Amino acid sequence: MTKNALKRKRGTPPSWVIAAMSTKRRNMDKVLRSLSNVGYIALVKHRLGSKLKESSSGRNRAEPLLDLTTEIIRTEK
């Protein structure tokens, strides 16, 4: 892990803010500081209004190729 990642993970709100938080909110804050943007973590970050990076999955990059392949198959049929 990088220094910035560790610093972000360790960072928490001030103690008086944590004391006022419910257990559920504390867990959500912990998830919000996570580095991942997938699954449950992405869901929580989205609910809390955090900006998520765009998906870098292969599907987004491969869609034009998939569309072209679909068209070729349809014309052959």
PDB file of N, CA and C in Angstrom:
ATOM      1  N   MET A   1       0.842  -1.188   0.000  1.00  0.00           N
ATOM      2  CA  MET A   1       0.000   0.000   0.000  1.00  0.00           C
ATOM      3  C   MET A   1       0.882   1.244   0.000  1.00  0.00           C
ATOM      4  N   THR A   2       0.375   2.267  -0.640  1.00  0.00           N
ATOM      5  CA  THR A   2       1.117   3.519  -0.692  1.00  0.00           C
ATOM      6  C   THR A   2       0.911   4.303   0.607  1.00  0.00           C
ATOM      7  N   LYS A   3       1.748   5.294   0.796  1.00  0.00           N
ATOM      8  CA  LYS A   3       1.633   6.123   2.000  1.00  0.00           C
ATOM      9  C   LYS A   3       0.287   6.841   2.037  1.00  0.00           C
ATOM     10  N   ASN A   4      -0.144   7.347   0.882  1.00  0.00           N
ATOM     11  CA  ASN A   4      -1.423   8.061   0.842  1.00  0.00           C
ATOM     12  C   ASN A   4      -2.594   7.140   1.143  1.00  0.00           C
ATOM     13  N   ALA A   5      -2.534   5.902   0.666  1.00  0.00           N
ATOM     14  CA  ALA A   5      -3.607   4.953   0.932  1.00  0.00           C
ATOM     15  C   ALA A   5      -3.694   4.651   2.427  1.00  0.00           C
ATOM     16  N   LEU A   6      -2.557   4.436   3.051  1.00  0.00           N
ATOM     17  CA  LEU A   6      -2.549   4.172   4.491  1.00  0.00           C
ATOM     18  C   LEU A   6      -3.051   5.371   5.280  1.00  0.00           C
ATOM     19  N   LYS A   7      -2.637   6.564   4.862  1.00  0.00           N
ATOM     20  CA  LYS A   7      -3.060   7.777   5.553  1.00  0.00           C
ATOM     21  C   LYS A   7      -4.574   7.951   5.447  1.00  0.00           C
ATOM     22  N   ARG A   8      -5.121   7.681   4.263  1.00  0.00           N
ATOM     23  CA  ARG A   8      -6.557   7.812   4.053  1.00  0.00           C
ATOM     24  C   ARG A   8      -7.329   6.791   4.874  1.00  0.00           C
ATOM     25  N   LYS A   9      -6.775   5.580   4.977  1.00  0.00           N
ATOM     26  CA  LYS A   9      -7.434   4.533   5.749  1.00  0.00           C
ATOM     27  C   LYS A   9      -7.434   4.846   7.247  1.00  0.00           C
ATOM     28  N   ARG A  10      -6.333   5.427   7.723  1.00  0.00           N
ATOM     29  CA  ARG A  10      -6.219   5.768   9.148  1.00  0.00           C
ATOM     30  C   ARG A  10      -7.046   6.978   9.515  1.00  0.00           C
ATOM     31  N   GLY A  11      -7.240   7.879   8.557  1.00  0.00           N
ATOM     32  CA  GLY A  11      -7.941   9.122   8.839  1.00  0.00           C
ATOM     33  C   GLY A  11      -9.364   8.880   9.292  1.00  0.00           C
ATOM     34  N   THR A  12      -9.742   9.500  10.363  1.00  0.00           N
ATOM     35  CA  THR A  12     -11.109   9.389  10.870  1.00  0.00           C
ATOM     36  C   THR A  12     -11.581  10.772  11.297  1.00  0.00           C
ATOM     37  N   PRO A  13     -12.870  10.930  11.446  1.00  0.00           N
ATOM     38  CA  PRO A  13     -13.371  12.206  11.956  1.00  0.00           C
ATOM     39  C   PRO A  13     -12.889  12.425  13.397  1.00  0.00           C
ATOM     40  N   PRO A  14     -13.014  13.643  13.900  1.00  0.00           N
ATOM     41  CA  PRO A  14     -12.625  13.905  15.291  1.00  0.00           C
ATOM     42  C   PRO A  14     -13.427  13.033  16.265  1.00  0.00           C
ATOM     43  N   SER A  15     -12.862  12.814  17.433  1.00  0.00           N
ATOM     44  CA  SER A  15     -13.481  11.905  18.400  1.00  0.00           C
ATOM     45  C   SER A  15     -14.886  12.344  18.811  1.00  0.00           C
ATOM     46  N   TRP A  16     -15.123  13.653  18.915  1.00  0.00           N
ATOM     47  CA  TRP A  16     -16.452  14.109  19.314  1.00  0.00           C
ATOM     48  C   TRP A  16     -17.491  13.829  18.223  1.00  0.00           C
ATOM     49  N   VAL A  17     -17.054  13.766  16.965  1.00  0.00           N
ATOM     50  CA  VAL A  17     -17.973  13.437  15.866  1.00  0.00           C
ATOM     51  C   VAL A  17     -18.258  11.935  15.889  1.00  0.00           C
ATOM     52  N   ILE A  18     -17.226  11.136  16.116  1.00  0.00           N
ATOM     53  CA  ILE A  18     -17.398   9.686  16.181  1.00  0.00           C
ATOM     54  C   ILE A  18     -18.326   9.309  17.331  1.00  0.00           C
ATOM     55  N   ALA A  19     -18.205  10.000  18.461  1.00  0.00           N
ATOM     56  CA  ALA A  19     -19.047   9.705  19.613  1.00  0.00           C
ATOM     57  C   ALA A  19     -20.524   9.963  19.309  1.00  0.00           C
ATOM     58  N   ALA A  20     -20.797  10.938  18.438  1.00  0.00           N
ATOM     59  CA  ALA A  20     -22.178  11.270  18.104  1.00  0.00           C
ATOM     60  C   ALA A  20     -22.747  10.367  17.015  1.00  0.00           C
ATOM     61  N   MET A  21     -21.883   9.625  16.326  1.00  0.00           N
ATOM     62  CA  MET A  21     -22.333   8.750  15.237  1.00  0.00           C
ATOM     63  C   MET A  21     -22.941   7.464  15.776  1.00  0.00           C
ATOM     64  N   SER A  22     -23.897   6.941  15.014  1.00  0.00           N
ATOM     65  CA  SER A  22     -24.429   5.624  15.355  1.00  0.00           C
ATOM     66  C   SER A  22     -23.430   4.573  14.868  1.00  0.00           C
ATOM     67  N   THR A  23     -23.611   3.351  15.314  1.00  0.00           N
ATOM     68  CA  THR A  23     -22.718   2.265  14.899  1.00  0.00           C
ATOM     69  C   THR A  23     -22.777   2.056  13.398  1.00  0.00           C
ATOM     70  N   LYS A  24     -23.990   2.141  12.844  1.00  0.00           N
ATOM     71  CA  LYS A  24     -24.157   1.956  11.401  1.00  0.00           C
ATOM     72  C   LYS A  24     -23.405   3.041  10.633  1.00  0.00           C
ATOM     73  N   ARG A  25     -23.526   4.272  11.088  1.00  0.00           N
ATOM     74  CA  ARG A  25     -22.850   5.396  10.417  1.00  0.00           C
ATOM     75  C   ARG A  25     -21.327   5.265  10.524  1.00  0.00           C
ATOM     76  N   ARG A  26     -20.828   4.782  11.676  1.00  0.00           N
ATOM     77  CA  ARG A  26     -19.373   4.570  11.832  1.00  0.00           C
ATOM     78  C   ARG A  26     -18.864   3.540  10.840  1.00  0.00           C
ATOM     79  N   ASN A  27     -19.625   2.448  10.670  1.00  0.00           N
ATOM     80  CA  ASN A  27     -19.240   1.428   9.700  1.00  0.00           C
ATOM     81  C   ASN A  27     -19.268   1.984   8.279  1.00  0.00           C
ATOM     82  N   MET A  28     -20.282   2.802   7.985  1.00  0.00           N
ATOM     83  CA  MET A  28     -20.369   3.400   6.654  1.00  0.00           C
ATOM     84  C   MET A  28     -19.202   4.360   6.413  1.00  0.00           C
ATOM     85  N   ASP A  29     -18.784   5.083   7.428  1.00  0.00           N
ATOM     86  CA  ASP A  29     -17.642   5.984   7.303  1.00  0.00           C
ATOM     87  C   ASP A  29     -16.367   5.197   7.035  1.00  0.00           C
ATOM     88  N   LYS A  30     -16.233   4.055   7.694  1.00  0.00           N
ATOM     89  CA  LYS A  30     -15.069   3.196   7.483  1.00  0.00           C
ATOM     90  C   LYS A  30     -15.040   2.672   6.048  1.00  0.00           C
ATOM     91  N   VAL A  31     -16.208   2.283   5.537  1.00  0.00           N
ATOM     92  CA  VAL A  31     -16.309   1.799   4.161  1.00  0.00           C
ATOM     93  C   VAL A  31     -16.003   2.931   3.182  1.00  0.00           C
ATOM     94  N   LEU A  32     -16.471   4.141   3.485  1.00  0.00           N
ATOM     95  CA  LEU A  32     -16.260   5.289   2.619  1.00  0.00           C
ATOM     96  C   LEU A  32     -14.772   5.575   2.416  1.00  0.00           C
ATOM     97  N   ARG A  33     -13.967   5.309   3.419  1.00  0.00           N
ATOM     98  CA  ARG A  33     -12.529   5.557   3.325  1.00  0.00           C
ATOM     99  C   ARG A  33     -11.772   4.433   2.631  1.00  0.00           C
ATOM    100  N   SER A  34     -12.470   3.363   2.300  1.00  0.00           N
ATOM    101  CA  SER A  34     -11.849   2.235   1.617  1.00  0.00           C
ATOM    102  C   SER A  34     -11.415   2.633   0.210  1.00  0.00           C
ATOM    103  N   LEU A  35     -10.438   1.933  -0.323  1.00  0.00           N
ATOM    104  CA  LEU A  35      -9.909   2.242  -1.640  1.00  0.00           C
ATOM    105  C   LEU A  35     -10.715   1.611  -2.769  1.00  0.00           C
ATOM    106  N   SER A  36     -11.459   0.585  -2.474  1.00  0.00           N
ATOM    107  CA  SER A  36     -12.192  -0.151  -3.501  1.00  0.00           C
ATOM    108  C   SER A  36     -13.408   0.628  -3.986  1.00  0.00           C
ATOM    109  N   ASN A  37     -13.856   0.325  -5.188  1.00  0.00           N
ATOM    110  CA  ASN A  37     -15.071   0.924  -5.737  1.00  0.00           C
ATOM    111  C   ASN A  37     -15.962  -0.146  -6.347  1.00  0.00           C
ATOM    112  N   VAL A  38     -16.029  -1.310  -5.709  1.00  0.00           N
ATOM    113  CA  VAL A  38     -16.754  -2.443  -6.265  1.00  0.00           C
ATOM    114  C   VAL A  38     -17.714  -3.000  -5.217  1.00  0.00           C
ATOM    115  N   GLY A  39     -18.865  -3.503  -5.675  1.00  0.00           N
ATOM    116  CA  GLY A  39     -19.805  -4.217  -4.821  1.00  0.00           C
ATOM    117  C   GLY A  39     -20.424  -3.377  -3.734  1.00  0.00           C
ATOM    118  N   TYR A  40     -20.418  -3.920  -2.514  1.00  0.00           N
ATOM    119  CA  TYR A  40     -21.045  -3.268  -1.372  1.00  0.00           C
ATOM    120  C   TYR A  40     -20.413  -1.900  -1.110  1.00  0.00           C
ATOM    121  N   ILE A  41     -19.111  -1.828  -1.260  1.00  0.00           N
ATOM    122  CA  ILE A  41     -18.407  -0.564  -1.014  1.00  0.00           C
ATOM    123  C   ILE A  41     -18.879   0.499  -1.996  1.00  0.00           C
ATOM    124  N   ALA A  42     -19.053   0.137  -3.255  1.00  0.00           N
ATOM    125  CA  ALA A  42     -19.547   1.085  -4.257  1.00  0.00           C
ATOM    126  C   ALA A  42     -20.968   1.519  -3.922  1.00  0.00           C
ATOM    127  N   LEU A  43     -21.786   0.587  -3.453  1.00  0.00           N
ATOM    128  CA  LEU A  43     -23.161   0.906  -3.080  1.00  0.00           C
ATOM    129  C   LEU A  43     -23.194   1.928  -1.944  1.00  0.00           C
ATOM    130  N   VAL A  44     -22.393   1.701  -0.923  1.00  0.00           N
ATOM    131  CA  VAL A  44     -22.353   2.622   0.225  1.00  0.00           C
ATOM    132  C   VAL A  44     -21.818   3.978  -0.209  1.00  0.00           C
ATOM    133  N   LYS A  45     -20.753   3.987  -1.004  1.00  0.00           N
ATOM    134  CA  LYS A  45     -20.186   5.252  -1.464  1.00  0.00           C
ATOM    135  C   LYS A  45     -21.192   6.026  -2.301  1.00  0.00           C
ATOM    136  N   HIS A  46     -21.943   5.319  -3.124  1.00  0.00           N
ATOM    137  CA  HIS A  46     -22.961   5.974  -3.947  1.00  0.00           C
ATOM    138  C   HIS A  46     -24.055   6.574  -3.073  1.00  0.00           C
ATOM    139  N   ARG A  47     -24.496   5.832  -2.065  1.00  0.00           N
ATOM    140  CA  ARG A  47     -25.541   6.321  -1.155  1.00  0.00           C
ATOM    141  C   ARG A  47     -25.092   7.556  -0.386  1.00  0.00           C
ATOM    142  N   LEU A  48     -23.802   7.602  -0.042  1.00  0.00           N
ATOM    143  CA  LEU A  48     -23.287   8.731   0.720  1.00  0.00           C
ATOM    144  C   LEU A  48     -22.892   9.904  -0.178  1.00  0.00           C
ATOM    145  N   GLY A  49     -23.012   9.719  -1.488  1.00  0.00           N
ATOM    146  CA  GLY A  49     -22.743  10.820  -2.412  1.00  0.00           C
ATOM    147  C   GLY A  49     -21.289  10.977  -2.814  1.00  0.00           C
ATOM    148  N   SER A  50     -20.491   9.967  -2.604  1.00  0.00           N
ATOM    149  CA  SER A  50     -19.093  10.028  -2.989  1.00  0.00           C
ATOM    150  C   SER A  50     -18.967   9.870  -4.497  1.00  0.00           C
ATOM    151  N   LYS A  51     -18.024  10.590  -5.092  1.00  0.00           N
ATOM    152  CA  LYS A  51     -17.813  10.462  -6.528  1.00  0.00           C
ATOM    153  C   LYS A  51     -17.018   9.197  -6.782  1.00  0.00           C
ATOM    154  N   LEU A  52     -17.529   8.361  -7.661  1.00  0.00           N
ATOM    155  CA  LEU A  52     -16.855   7.121  -8.006  1.00  0.00           C
ATOM    156  C   LEU A  52     -16.182   7.274  -9.360  1.00  0.00           C
ATOM    157  N   LYS A  53     -15.055   6.615  -9.510  1.00  0.00           N
ATOM    158  CA  LYS A  53     -14.392   6.608 -10.806  1.00  0.00           C
ATOM    159  C   LYS A  53     -15.252   5.808 -11.768  1.00  0.00           C
ATOM    160  N   GLU A  54     -15.147   6.150 -13.050  1.00  0.00           N
ATOM    161  CA  GLU A  54     -15.889   5.376 -14.038  1.00  0.00           C
ATOM    162  C   GLU A  54     -15.326   3.975 -14.105  1.00  0.00           C
ATOM    163  N   SER A  55     -16.178   3.054 -14.429  1.00  0.00           N
ATOM    164  CA  SER A  55     -15.769   1.662 -14.506  1.00  0.00           C
ATOM    165  C   SER A  55     -14.709   1.491 -15.578  1.00  0.00           C
ATOM    166  N   SER A  56     -13.650   0.810 -15.219  1.00  0.00           N
ATOM    167  CA  SER A  56     -12.589   0.555 -16.190  1.00  0.00           C
ATOM    168  C   SER A  56     -12.639  -0.899 -16.641  1.00  0.00           C
ATOM    169  N   SER A  57     -13.827  -1.478 -16.545  1.00  0.00           N
ATOM    170  CA  SER A  57     -13.963  -2.880 -16.923  1.00  0.00           C
ATOM    171  C   SER A  57     -13.797  -3.030 -18.427  1.00  0.00           C
ATOM    172  N   GLY A  58     -13.472  -4.217 -18.837  1.00  0.00           N
ATOM    173  CA  GLY A  58     -13.264  -4.489 -20.244  1.00  0.00           C
ATOM    174  C   GLY A  58     -14.532  -4.356 -21.056  1.00  0.00           C
ATOM    175  N   ARG A  59     -15.677  -4.475 -20.426  1.00  0.00           N
ATOM    176  CA  ARG A  59     -16.946  -4.403 -21.150  1.00  0.00           C
ATOM    177  C   ARG A  59     -17.109  -3.046 -21.827  1.00  0.00           C
ATOM    178  N   ASN A  60     -16.784  -1.970 -21.142  1.00  0.00           N
ATOM    179  CA  ASN A  60     -16.938  -0.637 -21.732  1.00  0.00           C
ATOM    180  C   ASN A  60     -16.041  -0.462 -22.948  1.00  0.00           C
ATOM    181  N   ARG A  61     -14.839  -0.987 -22.886  1.00  0.00           N
ATOM    182  CA  ARG A  61     -13.911  -0.856 -23.994  1.00  0.00           C
ATOM    183  C   ARG A  61     -14.254  -1.798 -25.135  1.00  0.00           C
ATOM    184  N   ALA A  62     -14.908  -2.909 -24.837  1.00  0.00           N
ATOM    185  CA  ALA A  62     -15.182  -3.927 -25.848  1.00  0.00           C
ATOM    186  C   ALA A  62     -16.533  -3.754 -26.524  1.00  0.00           C
ATOM    187  N   GLU A  63     -17.359  -2.832 -26.066  1.00  0.00           N
ATOM    188  CA  GLU A  63     -18.700  -2.707 -26.641  1.00  0.00           C
ATOM    189  C   GLU A  63     -18.705  -2.430 -28.138  1.00  0.00           C
ATOM    190  N   PRO A  64     -17.881  -1.536 -28.670  1.00  0.00           N
ATOM    191  CA  PRO A  64     -17.905  -1.347 -30.129  1.00  0.00           C
ATOM    192  C   PRO A  64     -17.571  -2.638 -30.885  1.00  0.00           C
ATOM    193  N   LEU A  65     -16.633  -3.407 -30.369  1.00  0.00           N
ATOM    194  CA  LEU A  65     -16.278  -4.674 -31.000  1.00  0.00           C
ATOM    195  C   LEU A  65     -17.431  -5.670 -30.915  1.00  0.00           C
ATOM    196  N   LEU A  66     -18.117  -5.686 -29.784  1.00  0.00           N
ATOM    197  CA  LEU A  66     -19.275  -6.574 -29.627  1.00  0.00           C
ATOM    198  C   LEU A  66     -20.389  -6.180 -30.591  1.00  0.00           C
ATOM    199  N   ASP A  67     -20.622  -4.877 -30.738  1.00  0.00           N
ATOM    200  CA  ASP A  67     -21.654  -4.421 -31.666  1.00  0.00           C
ATOM    201  C   ASP A  67     -21.310  -4.820 -33.105  1.00  0.00           C
ATOM    202  N   LEU A  68     -20.063  -4.648 -33.484  1.00  0.00           N
ATOM    203  CA  LEU A  68     -19.617  -5.016 -34.818  1.00  0.00           C
ATOM    204  C   LEU A  68     -19.776  -6.514 -35.056  1.00  0.00           C
ATOM    205  N   THR A  69     -19.388  -7.310 -34.078  1.00  0.00           N
ATOM    206  CA  THR A  69     -19.516  -8.763 -34.187  1.00  0.00           C
ATOM    207  C   THR A  69     -20.981  -9.177 -34.309  1.00  0.00           C
ATOM    208  N   THR A  70     -21.842  -8.543 -33.554  1.00  0.00           N
ATOM    209  CA  THR A  70     -23.275  -8.834 -33.618  1.00  0.00           C
ATOM    210  C   THR A  70     -23.830  -8.530 -35.009  1.00  0.00           C
ATOM    211  N   GLU A  71     -23.424  -7.400 -35.565  1.00  0.00           N
ATOM    212  CA  GLU A  71     -23.881  -7.027 -36.901  1.00  0.00           C
ATOM    213  C   GLU A  71     -23.397  -8.022 -37.954  1.00  0.00           C
ATOM    214  N   ILE A  72     -22.152  -8.464 -37.856  1.00  0.00           N
ATOM    215  CA  ILE A  72     -21.602  -9.440 -38.803  1.00  0.00           C
ATOM    216  C   ILE A  72     -22.382 -10.744 -38.728  1.00  0.00           C
ATOM    217  N   ILE A  73     -22.675 -11.203 -37.533  1.00  0.00           N
ATOM    218  CA  ILE A  73     -23.420 -12.445 -37.343  1.00  0.00           C
ATOM    219  C   ILE A  73     -24.829 -12.307 -37.926  1.00  0.00           C
ATOM    220  N   ARG A  74     -25.477 -11.176 -37.702  1.00  0.00           N
ATOM    221  CA  ARG A  74     -26.826 -10.963 -38.223  1.00  0.00           C
ATOM    222  C   ARG A  74     -26.847 -10.940 -39.747  1.00  0.00           C
ATOM    223  N   THR A  75     -25.832 -10.317 -40.345  1.00  0.00           N
ATOM    224  CA  THR A  75     -25.807 -10.275 -41.815  1.00  0.00           C
ATOM    225  C   THR A  75     -25.549 -11.661 -42.407  1.00  0.00           C
ATOM    226  N   GLU A  76     -24.752 -12.475 -41.738  1.00  0.00           N
ATOM    227  CA  GLU A  76     -24.486 -13.823 -42.226  1.00  0.00           C
ATOM    228  C   GLU A  76     -25.726 -14.703 -42.146  1.00  0.00           C
ATOM    229  N   LYS A  77     -26.525 -14.501 -41.107  1.00  0.00           N
ATOM    230  CA  LYS A  77     -27.727 -15.304 -40.943  1.00  0.00           C
ATOM    231  C   LYS A  77     -28.728 -14.924 -42.002  1.00  0.00           C
TER     232      LYS A  77
END
